[in-house]
Amino acid sequence: KQEPKEKEEKAPDDTENAAEEKDEPIKVETKEDFWRVQIEAIYRRRNHHKVAEVPNLMKKHVGQEAMLYRKVCKRYDLDPKKLYADPKAWEGE
């Protein structure tokens, strides 16, 4: 009897994860959104477990988003002059 309850609890999480994995366009309205999208793109390719940490990183580095982007690029040996939300930026990486 307990197993069906566990499955019922897990089902919404699975649905939420599936929605997050879709490549839906993200509306970027602020510079903070712009840098968040860039950082998330790097983490999706290089360390997908850290994507969930991006909102906290953004809060911690308010006003220093470009510097944070450079640090993330350096960490993964990427060129901070490229914008990795664009799939073409990954060519040659």
Protein backbone atom coordinates (compact mmCIF):
# COMPACT_ATOMS: atom_id res chain seq x y z
CA LYS A 1 0.00 0.00 0.00
CA GLN A 2 2.87 2.38 0.64
CA GLU A 3 4.50 1.86 -2.77
CA PRO A 4 1.68 3.51 -4.76
CA LYS A 5 1.86 6.55 -2.47
CA GLU A 6 5.59 6.89 -3.16
CA LYS A 7 5.00 6.65 -6.89
CA GLU A 8 2.28 9.31 -6.68
CA GLU A 9 4.68 11.64 -4.87
CA LYS A 10 7.45 11.11 -7.43
CA ALA A 11 5.28 11.64 -10.51
CA PRO A 12 5.04 15.47 -10.19
CA ASP A 13 8.83 15.71 -9.84
CA ASP A 14 9.33 13.66 -13.00
CA THR A 15 6.93 15.93 -14.88
CA GLU A 16 8.73 19.05 -13.65
CA ASN A 17 12.12 17.66 -14.69
CA ALA A 18 10.81 16.80 -18.15
CA ALA A 19 9.56 20.37 -18.60
CA GLU A 20 12.95 21.79 -17.57
CA GLU A 21 14.78 19.66 -20.14
CA LYS A 22 12.79 21.03 -23.10
CA ASP A 23 14.60 23.56 -25.26
CA GLU A 24 12.01 26.28 -24.91
CA PRO A 25 13.01 29.87 -25.73
CA ILE A 26 13.73 31.94 -22.66
CA LYS A 27 12.64 35.57 -22.69
CA VAL A 28 15.58 37.70 -21.61
CA GLU A 29 14.52 41.11 -20.32
CA THR A 30 17.39 42.19 -18.06
CA LYS A 31 21.16 41.97 -18.05
CA GLU A 32 20.88 39.59 -15.09
CA ASP A 33 18.67 37.28 -17.18
CA PHE A 34 21.18 37.50 -20.03
CA TRP A 35 24.12 36.37 -17.88
CA ARG A 36 22.01 33.72 -16.12
CA VAL A 37 21.15 32.18 -19.49
CA GLN A 38 24.82 32.20 -20.52
CA ILE A 39 25.98 30.55 -17.28
CA GLU A 40 23.20 27.96 -17.40
CA ALA A 41 24.25 27.07 -20.96
CA ILE A 42 27.78 26.32 -19.77
CA TYR A 43 26.61 24.25 -16.83
CA ARG A 44 24.19 22.28 -19.04
CA ARG A 45 27.12 21.14 -21.17
CA ARG A 46 29.94 20.93 -18.66
CA ASN A 47 28.36 20.19 -15.26
CA HIS A 48 24.58 19.75 -15.45
CA HIS A 49 24.35 19.14 -11.70
CA LYS A 50 25.20 22.80 -11.07
CA VAL A 51 22.35 24.25 -13.16
CA ALA A 52 20.15 24.23 -10.05
CA GLU A 53 22.72 26.38 -8.22
CA VAL A 54 22.63 29.21 -10.76
CA PRO A 55 19.87 31.26 -9.05
CA ASN A 56 21.88 31.29 -5.80
CA LEU A 57 25.07 32.20 -7.67
CA MET A 58 23.25 35.08 -9.34
CA LYS A 59 21.99 36.37 -5.96
CA LYS A 60 25.49 36.13 -4.51
CA HIS A 61 27.01 38.09 -7.43
CA VAL A 62 24.41 40.82 -7.98
CA GLY A 63 26.02 43.57 -10.04
CA GLN A 64 28.97 41.29 -10.89
CA GLU A 65 27.29 38.95 -13.35
CA ALA A 66 29.84 39.48 -16.13
CA MET A 67 32.69 38.71 -13.72
CA LEU A 68 30.87 35.56 -12.61
CA TYR A 69 30.52 34.52 -16.25
CA ARG A 70 34.25 35.00 -16.80
CA LYS A 71 35.01 32.89 -13.72
CA VAL A 72 32.72 30.08 -14.89
CA CYS A 73 34.30 30.18 -18.35
CA LYS A 74 37.78 30.03 -16.85
CA ARG A 75 36.77 27.10 -14.63
CA TYR A 76 35.76 25.07 -17.69
CA ASP A 77 38.56 26.35 -19.93
CA LEU A 78 36.19 28.31 -22.17
CA ASP A 79 36.60 31.65 -23.94
CA PRO A 80 34.66 34.33 -22.00
CA LYS A 81 34.42 36.38 -25.21
CA LYS A 82 32.02 33.76 -26.59
CA LEU A 83 28.38 33.56 -25.55
CA TYR A 84 27.68 29.89 -24.95
CA ALA A 85 23.89 30.11 -25.04
CA ASP A 86 24.45 30.19 -28.81
CA PRO A 87 25.11 26.59 -29.93
CA LYS A 88 27.56 27.90 -32.57
CA ALA A 89 29.83 29.11 -29.77
CA TRP A 90 30.54 25.48 -28.85
CA GLU A 91 32.06 24.69 -32.23
CA GLY A 92 35.71 23.84 -31.66
CA GLU A 93 35.33 23.47 -27.89
